[in-house]
Structure formats: structure tokens, C-alpha cells
Amino acid sequence: MDATVNPNPVPFSGVPITDSAGCAGSPNTWFYNQIFTETAGVAVTFTSRIDTFDSRIVNNQTGTQTQLGANKQIIIPSRWCSSQRVFHTAQTTLIGTDTNGHTIKVDGPVVNLQN
């Protein structure tokens, strides 16, 4: 499994995020894509996603159903906001099972959010 982020580091955006109550009114925003590529030739179903912001877990979703076909790629558009315009880090971990019944855990790269 290969995981990349584009771009990284992520430049400061400042474009408002208006569809999230937690980001409403925050002028400090960042946008990027996470790219997960299956490289072993076995499809995976991810059922959990953990997001960290500045090394703290801020999102721990279970019961999700994200399919990644054998030798395929998924792109997850990602965004963050903060009350402070300073350097931050973010990271996503996906956990699931491949079609052979093996547990798969993929830690995405640490994303550097520039100030």
C-alpha cells in the first residue's frame, strides 16, 4: 500500500470552509488530496478512519465502507481549519480488511500545514 499527499507541505489557503460548524468563521484553512494506492494486487475495504491534528486524535470513525480495488487508487480530498494561523500537522490512518481476510492498517504521511 502506498500513501501520498499532494501538495505536502500544504500552503495556507484562507478560503472559508462554510459547510462545517467547527470551521465556521475560521479564516485559517488548508486543502490537499490524500492518495492511497493498493500495490499488492488485493482489494481492501477500509472500515475505520482516524485523523490526527497536531498529534491529537480529532476524528475516529468506525463502520465506514471505503473500497479500494486491487492495484487501484482512491483520492480523499482533505481540509483543515484552525483558530490560529501557525504551522500545524495532520495525519490520517485507514484500517480495514483485504479480500484474503488480513487486517490492513495504512498510516498516511504526516502533512505539514504551513502558516
Protein backbone atom coordinates (compact mmCIF):
# COMPACT_ATOMS: atom_id res chain seq x y z
CA MET A 1 0.00 0.00 0.00
CA ASP A 2 1.30 3.42 -0.90
CA ALA A 3 0.05 6.67 0.63
CA THR A 4 0.98 10.16 -0.58
CA VAL A 5 -0.27 13.70 -0.14
CA ASN A 6 -0.49 16.43 -2.75
CA PRO A 7 0.76 19.02 -2.01
CA ASN A 8 2.93 18.49 1.04
CA PRO A 9 3.75 20.87 2.59
CA VAL A 10 0.29 22.37 2.21
CA PRO A 11 0.23 26.13 1.69
CA PHE A 12 -2.02 28.30 3.81
CA SER A 13 -5.31 28.85 1.96
CA GLY A 14 -7.58 31.19 3.89
CA VAL A 15 -10.57 30.12 1.75
CA PRO A 16 -13.52 29.77 4.16
CA ILE A 17 -14.98 26.35 4.93
CA THR A 18 -18.68 27.16 5.15
CA ASP A 19 -20.30 23.72 5.43
CA SER A 20 -18.77 22.71 8.78
CA ALA A 21 -19.92 24.26 12.04
CA GLY A 22 -16.48 23.68 13.58
CA CYS A 23 -14.82 25.74 10.86
CA ALA A 24 -17.45 28.47 10.51
CA GLY A 25 -15.77 31.83 10.79
CA SER A 26 -12.22 30.44 10.85
CA PRO A 27 -10.03 32.26 8.32
CA ASN A 28 -7.21 29.70 8.73
CA THR A 29 -7.69 26.85 6.27
CA TRP A 30 -5.73 24.28 4.27
CA PHE A 31 -6.78 21.96 1.41
CA TYR A 32 -5.00 18.91 -0.05
CA ASN A 33 -5.55 15.43 -1.51
CA GLN A 34 -4.56 12.16 0.11
CA ILE A 35 -3.81 9.42 -2.41
CA PHE A 36 -3.94 5.77 -1.33
CA THR A 37 -2.74 3.20 -3.88
CA GLU A 38 -3.14 -0.57 -3.47
CA THR A 39 0.10 -2.22 -4.62
CA ALA A 40 -0.19 -5.90 -3.55
CA GLY A 41 -2.91 -6.89 -6.01
CA VAL A 42 -5.57 -7.50 -3.34
CA ALA A 43 -8.69 -5.36 -2.84
CA VAL A 44 -9.23 -3.73 0.56
CA THR A 45 -12.31 -2.46 2.38
CA PHE A 46 -11.42 0.24 4.92
CA THR A 47 -13.86 0.36 7.84
CA SER A 48 -12.12 2.85 10.14
CA ARG A 49 -10.51 6.24 9.70
CA ILE A 50 -8.50 8.07 12.35
CA ASP A 51 -7.44 11.68 11.80
CA THR A 52 -4.92 13.49 13.95
CA PHE A 53 -4.25 17.22 14.10
CA ASP A 54 -1.07 18.32 15.86
CA SER A 55 -0.66 14.69 17.06
CA ARG A 56 -4.08 14.62 18.77
CA ILE A 57 -6.90 12.36 17.60
CA VAL A 58 -9.73 14.60 16.41
CA ASN A 59 -11.71 12.10 14.34
CA ASN A 60 -12.16 8.37 14.93
CA GLN A 61 -14.77 7.00 12.54
CA THR A 62 -15.73 3.33 12.54
CA GLY A 63 -18.23 1.48 10.42
CA THR A 64 -17.22 3.26 7.23
CA GLN A 65 -17.04 1.39 3.92
CA THR A 66 -14.31 2.74 1.67
CA GLN A 67 -13.47 0.32 -1.13
CA LEU A 68 -10.03 0.21 -2.72
CA GLY A 69 -9.71 -2.24 -5.60
CA ALA A 70 -6.64 -4.31 -6.35
CA ASN A 71 -3.98 -2.13 -7.98
CA LYS A 72 -6.35 0.85 -7.81
CA GLN A 73 -6.18 4.27 -6.22
CA ILE A 74 -8.50 6.41 -4.15
CA ILE A 75 -8.15 10.14 -3.64
CA ILE A 76 -9.52 11.63 -0.44
CA PRO A 77 -9.96 15.43 -0.61
CA SER A 78 -8.94 16.75 2.81
CA ARG A 79 -9.23 20.08 4.58
CA TRP A 80 -8.46 21.58 7.94
CA CYS A 81 -9.17 24.78 9.79
CA SER A 82 -7.68 26.28 12.91
CA SER A 83 -8.28 29.25 15.12
CA GLN A 84 -4.57 30.05 14.79
CA ARG A 85 -2.55 30.77 11.67
CA VAL A 86 0.51 28.80 12.73
CA PHE A 87 2.29 25.68 11.48
CA HIS A 88 0.23 22.51 12.09
CA THR A 89 0.49 18.82 11.22
CA ALA A 90 -2.20 16.33 10.24
CA GLN A 91 -2.24 12.60 9.53
CA THR A 92 -4.83 10.01 8.51
CA THR A 93 -4.81 6.31 9.31
CA LEU A 94 -7.08 3.87 7.46
CA ILE A 95 -7.85 0.41 8.87
CA GLY A 96 -9.68 -2.40 7.14
CA THR A 97 -9.55 -5.91 5.74
CA ASP A 98 -8.31 -7.21 2.42
CA THR A 99 -10.15 -9.86 0.38
CA ASN A 100 -7.89 -12.54 1.93
CA GLY A 101 -9.13 -11.60 5.43
CA HIS A 102 -5.93 -9.83 6.54
CA THR A 103 -6.17 -6.68 8.63
CA ILE A 104 -4.68 -3.72 6.78
CA LYS A 105 -3.56 -0.54 8.53
CA VAL A 106 -2.20 2.33 6.47
CA ASP A 107 -0.70 5.42 8.07
CA GLY A 108 -0.74 8.28 5.64
CA PRO A 109 2.23 10.64 5.63
CA VAL A 110 2.43 13.45 8.15
CA VAL A 111 1.05 16.50 6.39
CA ASN A 112 2.73 19.84 7.08
CA LEU A 113 0.23 22.71 7.08
CA GLN A 114 2.18 25.93 6.53
CA ASN A 115 1.44 29.18 8.32
